[in-house]
């Protein structure tokens, strides 16, 4: 199922006035969630959770030395996230089928065409993955608006399906939520039919109240996803921020009837990270959000750890290096 594009709504100051976040309650919720993931005490539950994680990963390369070969390798891995022996064993046990893939590939705009060429070469008979691209002065957002909008147009012309945009954090820190809204709205219009993910860069917003307000500004302006971070700063996706953003998503849905997706990114590397974020989404938004249409995880190295953990759960031993994907 593909959800329709979120359309901009009227800006309303009511969502930005007198916002108060109960940090103590959020911390208690985090502690409760930590206890809940300990219930993943069977191999079957852990395998299911790890396979759910694979399906929602935005497999990412955002390195300065990216080449066509690097991107081709990434695209192949996205279509074939597990080695064949491991996939076959999971298939035989009824956990998944041969169509297992990640959620999308995420690259710089200049590498979008490389993705298209790679998918044609790798598996012309299989549908390619969604291609996402970081734009709008990623990661800082400290460029003129016209330049940032041009990047979105360039990504669209190159064939991107989704764009990961960044807000101007200086506007948020100055409390100019109307301006944040107006800029994201222009990004929404420029993105046209592409999915619009809006990165809040929560580690630079200064407070959980600002995270909540930035979430609302982005959603009102037409964001299809709100995303925690670029992964390029010291503080990225944390559970307290996740609680605030998912609660904003729930309140937005309750008010407008529009479902907005959520994407944590930055610093997610372990099985426990996977389990925490899946449980958070399940608790706060429900099972419907646990699909690539409404939930993504931005990661570059997480898939390697997931594959290693699945191998150990399935075969009962640590894998040799040659038994894992490159």
C-alpha atoms as a PDB file:
ATOM      1  CA  UNK A   1       0.000   0.000   0.000  1.00  0.00           C
ATOM      2  CA  UNK A   2       1.305   3.435  -0.973  1.00  0.00           C
ATOM      3  CA  UNK A   3       0.006   6.350   1.037  1.00  0.00           C
ATOM      4  CA  UNK A   4      -0.923   9.643  -0.617  1.00  0.00           C
ATOM      5  CA  UNK A   5       1.325  12.675  -0.349  1.00  0.00           C
ATOM      6  CA  UNK A   6       0.674  14.897   2.669  1.00  0.00           C
ATOM      7  CA  UNK A   7      -0.701  18.279   1.612  1.00  0.00           C
ATOM      8  CA  UNK A   8       0.125  21.561   3.413  1.00  0.00           C
ATOM      9  CA  UNK A   9      -2.441  22.783   5.923  1.00  0.00           C
ATOM     10  CA  UNK A  10      -2.998  26.215   7.388  1.00  0.00           C
ATOM     11  CA  UNK A  11      -0.525  27.327  10.015  1.00  0.00           C
ATOM     12  CA  UNK A  12      -2.128  27.662  13.468  1.00  0.00           C
ATOM     13  CA  UNK A  13      -0.299  29.240  16.415  1.00  0.00           C
ATOM     14  CA  UNK A  14      -2.324  27.126  18.849  1.00  0.00           C
ATOM     15  CA  UNK A  15       0.080  24.209  18.360  1.00  0.00           C
ATOM     16  CA  UNK A  16       3.060  26.326  19.372  1.00  0.00           C
ATOM     17  CA  UNK A  17       1.720  28.204  22.388  1.00  0.00           C
ATOM     18  CA  UNK A  18       2.215  27.031  25.973  1.00  0.00           C
ATOM     19  CA  UNK A  19       3.932  23.765  25.037  1.00  0.00           C
ATOM     20  CA  UNK A  20       5.192  21.981  28.144  1.00  0.00           C
ATOM     21  CA  UNK A  21       7.034  18.651  28.085  1.00  0.00           C
ATOM     22  CA  UNK A  22       7.077  16.509  31.226  1.00  0.00           C
ATOM     23  CA  UNK A  23      10.645  15.205  31.102  1.00  0.00           C
ATOM     24  CA  UNK A  24      10.152  13.094  34.220  1.00  0.00           C
ATOM     25  CA  UNK A  25       7.207  11.269  32.640  1.00  0.00           C
ATOM     26  CA  UNK A  26       9.168  10.718  29.445  1.00  0.00           C
ATOM     27  CA  UNK A  27      12.070   9.251  31.378  1.00  0.00           C
ATOM     28  CA  UNK A  28       9.682   6.864  33.150  1.00  0.00           C
ATOM     29  CA  UNK A  29       8.289   5.837  29.761  1.00  0.00           C
ATOM     30  CA  UNK A  30      11.809   5.156  28.517  1.00  0.00           C
ATOM     31  CA  UNK A  31      12.507   2.976  31.542  1.00  0.00           C
ATOM     32  CA  UNK A  32       9.266   1.080  30.982  1.00  0.00           C
ATOM     33  CA  UNK A  33      10.138   0.495  27.341  1.00  0.00           C
ATOM     34  CA  UNK A  34      13.561  -0.824  28.316  1.00  0.00           C
ATOM     35  CA  UNK A  35      11.826  -3.393  30.529  1.00  0.00           C
ATOM     36  CA  UNK A  36       9.400  -4.376  27.773  1.00  0.00           C
ATOM     37  CA  UNK A  37      12.067  -5.274  25.255  1.00  0.00           C
ATOM     38  CA  UNK A  38      13.396  -7.826  27.695  1.00  0.00           C
ATOM     39  CA  UNK A  39      10.257  -9.782  26.803  1.00  0.00           C
ATOM     40  CA  UNK A  40      11.906 -10.597  23.465  1.00  0.00           C
ATOM     41  CA  UNK A  41      13.217 -13.669  25.230  1.00  0.00           C
ATOM     42  CA  UNK A  42      12.769 -16.266  22.494  1.00  0.00           C
ATOM     43  CA  UNK A  43      14.732 -16.780  19.307  1.00  0.00           C
ATOM     44  CA  UNK A  44      11.521 -16.551  17.262  1.00  0.00           C
ATOM     45  CA  UNK A  45      10.571 -13.117  18.614  1.00  0.00           C
ATOM     46  CA  UNK A  46      14.071 -11.780  18.052  1.00  0.00           C
ATOM     47  CA  UNK A  47      14.223 -13.133  14.497  1.00  0.00           C
ATOM     48  CA  UNK A  48      10.852 -11.553  13.685  1.00  0.00           C
ATOM     49  CA  UNK A  49      11.951  -8.206  15.114  1.00  0.00           C
ATOM     50  CA  UNK A  50      15.236  -8.245  13.210  1.00  0.00           C
ATOM     51  CA  UNK A  51      13.482  -9.077   9.928  1.00  0.00           C
ATOM     52  CA  UNK A  52      11.045  -6.197  10.528  1.00  0.00           C
ATOM     53  CA  UNK A  53      14.072  -3.981  10.982  1.00  0.00           C
ATOM     54  CA  UNK A  54      15.558  -4.995   7.633  1.00  0.00           C
ATOM     55  CA  UNK A  55      12.345  -4.124   5.821  1.00  0.00           C
ATOM     56  CA  UNK A  56      12.344  -0.537   7.143  1.00  0.00           C
ATOM     57  CA  UNK A  57      16.036   0.338   6.817  1.00  0.00           C
ATOM     58  CA  UNK A  58      16.991   3.238   4.557  1.00  0.00           C
ATOM     59  CA  UNK A  59      20.365   1.813   3.576  1.00  0.00           C
ATOM     60  CA  UNK A  60      22.609   4.838   3.351  1.00  0.00           C
ATOM     61  CA  UNK A  61      25.937   5.999   2.011  1.00  0.00           C
ATOM     62  CA  UNK A  62      26.789   9.664   2.468  1.00  0.00           C
ATOM     63  CA  UNK A  63      30.561   9.614   2.236  1.00  0.00           C
ATOM     64  CA  UNK A  64      32.782  12.096   0.462  1.00  0.00           C
ATOM     65  CA  UNK A  65      34.512   9.268  -1.399  1.00  0.00           C
ATOM     66  CA  UNK A  66      31.345   7.632  -2.780  1.00  0.00           C
ATOM     67  CA  UNK A  67      31.830   6.241  -6.284  1.00  0.00           C
ATOM     68  CA  UNK A  68      29.645   4.407  -8.775  1.00  0.00           C
ATOM     69  CA  UNK A  69      31.061   1.110  -7.532  1.00  0.00           C
ATOM     70  CA  UNK A  70      30.194   1.962  -3.907  1.00  0.00           C
ATOM     71  CA  UNK A  71      26.648   2.814  -4.893  1.00  0.00           C
ATOM     72  CA  UNK A  72      26.303  -0.318  -7.006  1.00  0.00           C
ATOM     73  CA  UNK A  73      27.409  -2.421  -4.048  1.00  0.00           C
ATOM     74  CA  UNK A  74      24.892  -0.625  -1.808  1.00  0.00           C
ATOM     75  CA  UNK A  75      22.054  -1.238  -4.263  1.00  0.00           C
ATOM     76  CA  UNK A  76      22.936  -4.926  -4.535  1.00  0.00           C
ATOM     77  CA  UNK A  77      22.973  -5.219  -0.750  1.00  0.00           C
ATOM     78  CA  UNK A  78      19.624  -3.465  -0.497  1.00  0.00           C
ATOM     79  CA  UNK A  79      18.065  -6.020  -2.831  1.00  0.00           C
ATOM     80  CA  UNK A  80      19.947  -8.893  -1.176  1.00  0.00           C
ATOM     81  CA  UNK A  81      20.286  -7.930   2.491  1.00  0.00           C
ATOM     82  CA  UNK A  82      21.228 -11.463   3.625  1.00  0.00           C
ATOM     83  CA  UNK A  83      23.501 -14.144   2.233  1.00  0.00           C
ATOM     84  CA  UNK A  84      21.716 -16.870   0.306  1.00  0.00           C
ATOM     85  CA  UNK A  85      22.258 -19.710   2.849  1.00  0.00           C
ATOM     86  CA  UNK A  86      20.876 -17.580   5.665  1.00  0.00           C
ATOM     87  CA  UNK A  87      17.923 -16.394   3.585  1.00  0.00           C
ATOM     88  CA  UNK A  88      17.109 -19.947   2.494  1.00  0.00           C
ATOM     89  CA  UNK A  89      17.123 -21.180   6.082  1.00  0.00           C
ATOM     90  CA  UNK A  90      14.815 -18.335   7.158  1.00  0.00           C
ATOM     91  CA  UNK A  91      12.530 -19.116   4.204  1.00  0.00           C
ATOM     92  CA  UNK A  92      12.389 -22.810   5.091  1.00  0.00           C
ATOM     93  CA  UNK A  93      11.400 -21.896   8.663  1.00  0.00           C
ATOM     94  CA  UNK A  94       8.602 -19.635   7.388  1.00  0.00           C
ATOM     95  CA  UNK A  95      10.047 -16.346   8.621  1.00  0.00           C
ATOM     96  CA  UNK A  96      10.302 -14.592   5.243  1.00  0.00           C
ATOM     97  CA  UNK A  97      10.448 -15.158   1.491  1.00  0.00           C
ATOM     98  CA  UNK A  98      12.956 -14.462  -1.258  1.00  0.00           C
ATOM     99  CA  UNK A  99      11.552 -10.944  -1.752  1.00  0.00           C
ATOM    100  CA  UNK A 100      13.106  -9.642   1.467  1.00  0.00           C
ATOM    101  CA  UNK A 101      14.687  -6.214   0.848  1.00  0.00           C
ATOM    102  CA  UNK A 102      15.480  -3.049   2.762  1.00  0.00           C
ATOM    103  CA  UNK A 103      13.066  -0.113   2.685  1.00  0.00           C
ATOM    104  CA  UNK A 104      15.049   2.216   0.423  1.00  0.00           C
ATOM    105  CA  UNK A 105      18.491   3.360  -0.683  1.00  0.00           C
ATOM    106  CA  UNK A 106      19.640   6.824   0.435  1.00  0.00           C
ATOM    107  CA  UNK A 107      22.413   8.743  -1.371  1.00  0.00           C
ATOM    108  CA  UNK A 108      23.557  12.231  -2.319  1.00  0.00           C
ATOM    109  CA  UNK A 109      21.761  13.770  -5.340  1.00  0.00           C
ATOM    110  CA  UNK A 110      24.733  13.229  -7.642  1.00  0.00           C
ATOM    111  CA  UNK A 111      24.465   9.464  -7.059  1.00  0.00           C
ATOM    112  CA  UNK A 112      20.763   9.022  -7.867  1.00  0.00           C
ATOM    113  CA  UNK A 113      21.433   8.108 -11.494  1.00  0.00           C
ATOM    114  CA  UNK A 114      24.054   5.614 -10.319  1.00  0.00           C
ATOM    115  CA  UNK A 115      21.290   3.876  -8.341  1.00  0.00           C
ATOM    116  CA  UNK A 116      19.031   3.630 -11.384  1.00  0.00           C
ATOM    117  CA  UNK A 117      21.838   2.177 -13.505  1.00  0.00           C
ATOM    118  CA  UNK A 118      22.775  -0.248 -10.746  1.00  0.00           C
ATOM    119  CA  UNK A 119      19.251  -1.592 -10.357  1.00  0.00           C
ATOM    120  CA  UNK A 120      18.990  -2.186 -14.114  1.00  0.00           C
ATOM    121  CA  UNK A 121      22.250  -4.133 -14.051  1.00  0.00           C
ATOM    122  CA  UNK A 122      21.679  -6.130 -10.867  1.00  0.00           C
ATOM    123  CA  UNK A 123      18.158  -7.490 -11.239  1.00  0.00           C
ATOM    124  CA  UNK A 124      16.297  -6.165 -14.276  1.00  0.00           C
ATOM    125  CA  UNK A 125      13.420  -8.583 -13.619  1.00  0.00           C
ATOM    126  CA  UNK A 126      12.885  -7.370 -10.056  1.00  0.00           C
ATOM    127  CA  UNK A 127      11.343  -4.077  -9.020  1.00  0.00           C
ATOM    128  CA  UNK A 128      14.056  -1.626  -7.918  1.00  0.00           C
ATOM    129  CA  UNK A 129      14.033  -0.143  -4.451  1.00  0.00           C
ATOM    130  CA  UNK A 130      12.884   3.359  -3.634  1.00  0.00           C
ATOM    131  CA  UNK A 131      15.680   5.891  -4.019  1.00  0.00           C
ATOM    132  CA  UNK A 132      15.934   8.636  -1.423  1.00  0.00           C
ATOM    133  CA  UNK A 133      18.300  11.586  -1.561  1.00  0.00           C
ATOM    134  CA  UNK A 134      19.475  14.081   1.049  1.00  0.00           C
ATOM    135  CA  UNK A 135      18.933  17.660  -0.099  1.00  0.00           C
ATOM    136  CA  UNK A 136      18.457  21.286   1.033  1.00  0.00           C
ATOM    137  CA  UNK A 137      21.980  21.939   2.213  1.00  0.00           C
ATOM    138  CA  UNK A 138      22.361  18.660   4.097  1.00  0.00           C
ATOM    139  CA  UNK A 139      23.462  18.434   6.851  1.00  0.00           C
ATOM    140  CA  UNK A 140      23.598  22.076   8.018  1.00  0.00           C
ATOM    141  CA  UNK A 141      20.707  23.625   6.089  1.00  0.00           C
ATOM    142  CA  UNK A 142      22.690  26.873   6.152  1.00  0.00           C
ATOM    143  CA  UNK A 143      22.154  27.821   2.523  1.00  0.00           C
ATOM    144  CA  UNK A 144      19.798  30.240   0.824  1.00  0.00           C
ATOM    145  CA  UNK A 145      16.287  28.921   0.347  1.00  0.00           C
ATOM    146  CA  UNK A 146      16.483  29.194  -3.446  1.00  0.00           C
ATOM    147  CA  UNK A 147      19.586  27.005  -3.445  1.00  0.00           C
ATOM    148  CA  UNK A 148      17.951  24.442  -1.180  1.00  0.00           C
ATOM    149  CA  UNK A 149      14.841  24.317  -3.333  1.00  0.00           C
ATOM    150  CA  UNK A 150      16.985  23.881  -6.441  1.00  0.00           C
ATOM    151  CA  UNK A 151      18.523  20.792  -4.879  1.00  0.00           C
ATOM    152  CA  UNK A 152      15.060  19.282  -4.501  1.00  0.00           C
ATOM    153  CA  UNK A 153      14.338  19.998  -8.166  1.00  0.00           C
ATOM    154  CA  UNK A 154      17.637  18.436  -9.183  1.00  0.00           C
ATOM    155  CA  UNK A 155      16.917  15.291  -7.166  1.00  0.00           C
ATOM    156  CA  UNK A 156      13.454  15.046  -8.705  1.00  0.00           C
ATOM    157  CA  UNK A 157      14.843  15.441 -12.234  1.00  0.00           C
ATOM    158  CA  UNK A 158      17.412  12.712 -11.524  1.00  0.00           C
ATOM    159  CA  UNK A 159      14.630  10.298 -10.577  1.00  0.00           C
ATOM    160  CA  UNK A 160      14.524  10.292  -6.783  1.00  0.00           C
ATOM    161  CA  UNK A 161      11.412   8.812  -5.195  1.00  0.00           C
ATOM    162  CA  UNK A 162      11.972  10.484  -1.824  1.00  0.00           C
ATOM    163  CA  UNK A 163      13.944  13.428  -0.465  1.00  0.00           C
ATOM    164  CA  UNK A 164      15.356  13.869   3.030  1.00  0.00           C
ATOM    165  CA  UNK A 165      15.355  17.618   3.695  1.00  0.00           C
ATOM    166  CA  UNK A 166      16.704  19.601   6.651  1.00  0.00           C
ATOM    167  CA  UNK A 167      15.161  22.563   8.417  1.00  0.00           C
ATOM    168  CA  UNK A 168      17.021  25.781   9.177  1.00  0.00           C
ATOM    169  CA  UNK A 169      17.674  25.236  12.879  1.00  0.00           C
ATOM    170  CA  UNK A 170      18.387  28.935  13.460  1.00  0.00           C
ATOM    171  CA  UNK A 171      14.727  29.667  12.749  1.00  0.00           C
ATOM    172  CA  UNK A 172      13.662  27.059  15.300  1.00  0.00           C
ATOM    173  CA  UNK A 173      16.065  28.356  17.940  1.00  0.00           C
ATOM    174  CA  UNK A 174      14.670  31.858  17.403  1.00  0.00           C
ATOM    175  CA  UNK A 175      11.133  30.544  17.831  1.00  0.00           C
ATOM    176  CA  UNK A 176      10.113  31.544  14.310  1.00  0.00           C
ATOM    177  CA  UNK A 177       7.860  28.550  13.726  1.00  0.00           C
ATOM    178  CA  UNK A 178       5.848  30.306  11.029  1.00  0.00           C
ATOM    179  CA  UNK A 179       9.031  30.714   8.988  1.00  0.00           C
ATOM    180  CA  UNK A 180       9.996  27.058   9.555  1.00  0.00           C
ATOM    181  CA  UNK A 181       6.536  26.111   8.318  1.00  0.00           C
ATOM    182  CA  UNK A 182       6.756  28.396   5.276  1.00  0.00           C
ATOM    183  CA  UNK A 183      10.132  27.019   4.197  1.00  0.00           C
ATOM    184  CA  UNK A 184       9.040  23.395   4.560  1.00  0.00           C
ATOM    185  CA  UNK A 185       5.850  24.210   2.684  1.00  0.00           C
ATOM    186  CA  UNK A 186       7.908  25.452  -0.253  1.00  0.00           C
ATOM    187  CA  UNK A 187       9.967  22.274  -0.065  1.00  0.00           C
ATOM    188  CA  UNK A 188       6.747  20.256  -0.138  1.00  0.00           C
ATOM    189  CA  UNK A 189       5.582  22.047  -3.277  1.00  0.00           C
ATOM    190  CA  UNK A 190       8.963  21.647  -4.958  1.00  0.00           C
ATOM    191  CA  UNK A 191       9.075  17.944  -4.110  1.00  0.00           C
ATOM    192  CA  UNK A 192       5.804  17.430  -5.963  1.00  0.00           C
ATOM    193  CA  UNK A 193       4.968  13.698  -5.851  1.00  0.00           C
ATOM    194  CA  UNK A 194       8.196  12.648  -4.100  1.00  0.00           C
ATOM    195  CA  UNK A 195       7.929  11.601  -0.468  1.00  0.00           C
ATOM    196  CA  UNK A 196       9.155  14.436   1.748  1.00  0.00           C
ATOM    197  CA  UNK A 197      11.108  13.492   4.859  1.00  0.00           C
ATOM    198  CA  UNK A 198      11.930  16.461   7.078  1.00  0.00           C
ATOM    199  CA  UNK A 199      14.998  16.194   9.331  1.00  0.00           C
ATOM    200  CA  UNK A 200      14.659  18.209  12.539  1.00  0.00           C
ATOM    201  CA  UNK A 201      18.259  17.655  13.743  1.00  0.00           C
ATOM    202  CA  UNK A 202      17.010  17.241  17.286  1.00  0.00           C
ATOM    203  CA  UNK A 203      20.481  17.437  18.812  1.00  0.00           C
ATOM    204  CA  UNK A 204      20.617  21.117  17.837  1.00  0.00           C
ATOM    205  CA  UNK A 205      17.105  22.213  18.810  1.00  0.00           C
ATOM    206  CA  UNK A 206      17.891  22.913  22.464  1.00  0.00           C
ATOM    207  CA  UNK A 207      14.807  21.422  24.152  1.00  0.00           C
ATOM    208  CA  UNK A 208      12.143  18.743  23.854  1.00  0.00           C
ATOM    209  CA  UNK A 209       9.534  21.504  23.545  1.00  0.00           C
ATOM    210  CA  UNK A 210      11.312  22.723  20.420  1.00  0.00           C
ATOM    211  CA  UNK A 211      11.353  19.155  19.073  1.00  0.00           C
ATOM    212  CA  UNK A 212       7.570  19.005  19.518  1.00  0.00           C
ATOM    213  CA  UNK A 213       7.035  22.375  17.842  1.00  0.00           C
ATOM    214  CA  UNK A 214       9.370  21.575  14.966  1.00  0.00           C
ATOM    215  CA  UNK A 215       7.456  18.314  14.427  1.00  0.00           C
ATOM    216  CA  UNK A 216       4.178  20.195  14.141  1.00  0.00           C
ATOM    217  CA  UNK A 217       5.610  22.873  11.856  1.00  0.00           C
ATOM    218  CA  UNK A 218       6.915  20.202   9.482  1.00  0.00           C
ATOM    219  CA  UNK A 219       3.714  18.142   9.497  1.00  0.00           C
ATOM    220  CA  UNK A 220       1.460  21.160   8.936  1.00  0.00           C
ATOM    221  CA  UNK A 221       3.678  22.156   6.018  1.00  0.00           C
ATOM    222  CA  UNK A 222       3.280  18.790   4.292  1.00  0.00           C
ATOM    223  CA  UNK A 223       5.982  16.443   5.605  1.00  0.00           C
ATOM    224  CA  UNK A 224       5.319  12.768   4.845  1.00  0.00           C
ATOM    225  CA  UNK A 225       7.911  11.746   7.453  1.00  0.00           C
ATOM    226  CA  UNK A 226       9.585  13.541  10.289  1.00  0.00           C
ATOM    227  CA  UNK A 227      13.142  12.400  10.933  1.00  0.00           C
ATOM    228  CA  UNK A 228      15.269  12.858  14.025  1.00  0.00           C
ATOM    229  CA  UNK A 229      18.721  13.581  12.693  1.00  0.00           C
ATOM    230  CA  UNK A 230      21.245  13.792   9.897  1.00  0.00           C
ATOM    231  CA  UNK A 231      23.614  11.458  11.723  1.00  0.00           C
ATOM    232  CA  UNK A 232      26.297  14.115  11.386  1.00  0.00           C
ATOM    233  CA  UNK A 233      26.133  15.604  14.900  1.00  0.00           C
ATOM    234  CA  UNK A 234      27.035  14.283  18.351  1.00  0.00           C
ATOM    235  CA  UNK A 235      23.435  13.772  19.566  1.00  0.00           C
ATOM    236  CA  UNK A 236      21.132  11.972  17.167  1.00  0.00           C
ATOM    237  CA  UNK A 237      18.194   9.597  17.745  1.00  0.00           C
ATOM    238  CA  UNK A 238      17.385   9.162  21.450  1.00  0.00           C
ATOM    239  CA  UNK A 239      14.349   7.561  23.039  1.00  0.00           C
ATOM    240  CA  UNK A 240      13.107  10.744  24.809  1.00  0.00           C
ATOM    241  CA  UNK A 241      13.099  12.546  21.464  1.00  0.00           C
ATOM    242  CA  UNK A 242      11.360   9.541  19.923  1.00  0.00           C
ATOM    243  CA  UNK A 243       8.575   9.735  22.493  1.00  0.00           C
ATOM    244  CA  UNK A 244       8.038  13.434  21.798  1.00  0.00           C
ATOM    245  CA  UNK A 245       8.014  13.048  18.015  1.00  0.00           C
ATOM    246  CA  UNK A 246       5.741   9.993  17.961  1.00  0.00           C
ATOM    247  CA  UNK A 247       3.339  11.704  20.362  1.00  0.00           C
ATOM    248  CA  UNK A 248       3.254  14.706  18.023  1.00  0.00           C
ATOM    249  CA  UNK A 249       2.528  12.341  15.117  1.00  0.00           C
ATOM    250  CA  UNK A 250      -0.299  10.714  17.066  1.00  0.00           C
ATOM    251  CA  UNK A 251      -1.823  14.074  18.006  1.00  0.00           C
ATOM    252  CA  UNK A 252      -1.519  15.282  14.411  1.00  0.00           C
ATOM    253  CA  UNK A 253      -3.292  12.159  13.166  1.00  0.00           C
ATOM    254  CA  UNK A 254      -6.010  12.498  15.830  1.00  0.00           C
ATOM    255  CA  UNK A 255      -6.570  16.112  14.811  1.00  0.00           C
ATOM    256  CA  UNK A 256      -6.312  15.925  11.027  1.00  0.00           C
ATOM    257  CA  UNK A 257      -6.749  12.265  10.090  1.00  0.00           C
ATOM    258  CA  UNK A 258      -3.400  12.376   8.242  1.00  0.00           C
ATOM    259  CA  UNK A 259      -0.789   9.710   8.963  1.00  0.00           C
ATOM    260  CA  UNK A 260       2.788  10.961   9.012  1.00  0.00           C
ATOM    261  CA  UNK A 261       5.748   8.593   9.117  1.00  0.00           C
ATOM    262  CA  UNK A 262       8.682   8.566  11.524  1.00  0.00           C
ATOM    263  CA  UNK A 263      12.380   7.981  10.857  1.00  0.00           C
ATOM    264  CA  UNK A 264      15.023   7.739  13.583  1.00  0.00           C
ATOM    265  CA  UNK A 265      18.557   8.089  12.242  1.00  0.00           C
ATOM    266  CA  UNK A 266      22.063   8.375  13.591  1.00  0.00           C
ATOM    267  CA  UNK A 267      23.793   6.060  16.043  1.00  0.00           C
ATOM    268  CA  UNK A 268      21.559   2.995  15.588  1.00  0.00           C
ATOM    269  CA  UNK A 269      23.955   0.055  15.509  1.00  0.00           C
ATOM    270  CA  UNK A 270      22.813  -2.805  17.778  1.00  0.00           C
ATOM    271  CA  UNK A 271      20.026  -5.354  18.157  1.00  0.00           C
ATOM    272  CA  UNK A 272      18.827  -3.508  21.239  1.00  0.00           C
ATOM    273  CA  UNK A 273      18.505  -0.325  19.197  1.00  0.00           C
ATOM    274  CA  UNK A 274      16.256  -2.196  16.752  1.00  0.00           C
ATOM    275  CA  UNK A 275      14.098  -3.647  19.510  1.00  0.00           C
ATOM    276  CA  UNK A 276      13.695  -0.287  21.298  1.00  0.00           C
ATOM    277  CA  UNK A 277      12.524   1.645  18.260  1.00  0.00           C
ATOM    278  CA  UNK A 278      10.178  -1.089  17.074  1.00  0.00           C
ATOM    279  CA  UNK A 279       8.605  -1.283  20.526  1.00  0.00           C
ATOM    280  CA  UNK A 280       8.302   2.509  20.727  1.00  0.00           C
ATOM    281  CA  UNK A 281       6.402   2.625  17.439  1.00  0.00           C
ATOM    282  CA  UNK A 282       4.197  -0.298  18.453  1.00  0.00           C
ATOM    283  CA  UNK A 283       3.329   1.329  21.791  1.00  0.00           C
ATOM    284  CA  UNK A 284       2.835   4.914  20.647  1.00  0.00           C
ATOM    285  CA  UNK A 285       1.414   4.556  17.128  1.00  0.00           C
ATOM    286  CA  UNK A 286       0.349   0.944  16.659  1.00  0.00           C
ATOM    287  CA  UNK A 287       1.254  -1.931  14.366  1.00  0.00           C
ATOM    288  CA  UNK A 288       0.058  -0.058  11.272  1.00  0.00           C
ATOM    289  CA  UNK A 289       3.079   2.221  11.552  1.00  0.00           C
ATOM    290  CA  UNK A 290       5.483  -0.743  11.509  1.00  0.00           C
ATOM    291  CA  UNK A 291       5.749  -0.769   7.723  1.00  0.00           C
ATOM    292  CA  UNK A 292       8.043   0.999   5.235  1.00  0.00           C
ATOM    293  CA  UNK A 293       5.197   3.364   4.359  1.00  0.00           C
ATOM    294  CA  UNK A 294       5.237   4.889   7.831  1.00  0.00           C
ATOM    295  CA  UNK A 295       8.459   3.854   9.541  1.00  0.00           C
ATOM    296  CA  UNK A 296      12.067   3.908   8.406  1.00  0.00           C
ATOM    297  CA  UNK A 297      15.411   3.594  10.150  1.00  0.00           C
ATOM    298  CA  UNK A 298      18.290   5.557   8.695  1.00  0.00           C
ATOM    299  CA  UNK A 299      21.464   3.497   8.947  1.00  0.00           C
ATOM    300  CA  UNK A 300      24.678   2.573   7.182  1.00  0.00           C
ATOM    301  CA  UNK A 301      26.151  -0.181   9.382  1.00  0.00           C
ATOM    302  CA  UNK A 302      23.103  -1.537  11.236  1.00  0.00           C
ATOM    303  CA  UNK A 303      22.312  -4.118   8.542  1.00  0.00           C
ATOM    304  CA  UNK A 304      25.644  -5.834   9.100  1.00  0.00           C
ATOM    305  CA  UNK A 305      24.871  -6.322  12.788  1.00  0.00           C
ATOM    306  CA  UNK A 306      21.337  -7.539  12.044  1.00  0.00           C
ATOM    307  CA  UNK A 307      22.648 -10.118   9.582  1.00  0.00           C
ATOM    308  CA  UNK A 308      25.238 -11.337  12.081  1.00  0.00           C
ATOM    309  CA  UNK A 309      22.611 -11.670  14.821  1.00  0.00           C
ATOM    310  CA  UNK A 310      20.200 -13.522  12.544  1.00  0.00           C
ATOM    311  CA  UNK A 311      22.938 -15.960  11.570  1.00  0.00           C
ATOM    312  CA  UNK A 312      23.697 -16.709  15.205  1.00  0.00           C
ATOM    313  CA  UNK A 313      19.996 -17.178  16.056  1.00  0.00           C
ATOM    314  CA  UNK A 314      19.354 -19.438  13.068  1.00  0.00           C
ATOM    315  CA  UNK A 315      22.511 -21.552  13.052  1.00  0.00           C
ATOM    316  CA  UNK A 316      23.342 -21.410  16.755  1.00  0.00           C
ATOM    317  CA  UNK A 317      26.895 -20.183  16.340  1.00  0.00           C
ATOM    318  CA  UNK A 318      28.965 -17.152  15.443  1.00  0.00           C
ATOM    319  CA  UNK A 319      29.414 -16.730  11.680  1.00  0.00           C
ATOM    320  CA  UNK A 320      32.798 -16.821  10.004  1.00  0.00           C
ATOM    321  CA  UNK A 321      33.640 -13.657   8.110  1.00  0.00           C
ATOM    322  CA  UNK A 322      33.122 -15.360   4.746  1.00  0.00           C
ATOM    323  CA  UNK A 323      29.584 -16.383   5.755  1.00  0.00           C
ATOM    324  CA  UNK A 324      28.403 -12.752   5.911  1.00  0.00           C
ATOM    325  CA  UNK A 325      27.747 -10.144   3.221  1.00  0.00           C
ATOM    326  CA  UNK A 326      30.596  -7.869   2.215  1.00  0.00           C
END
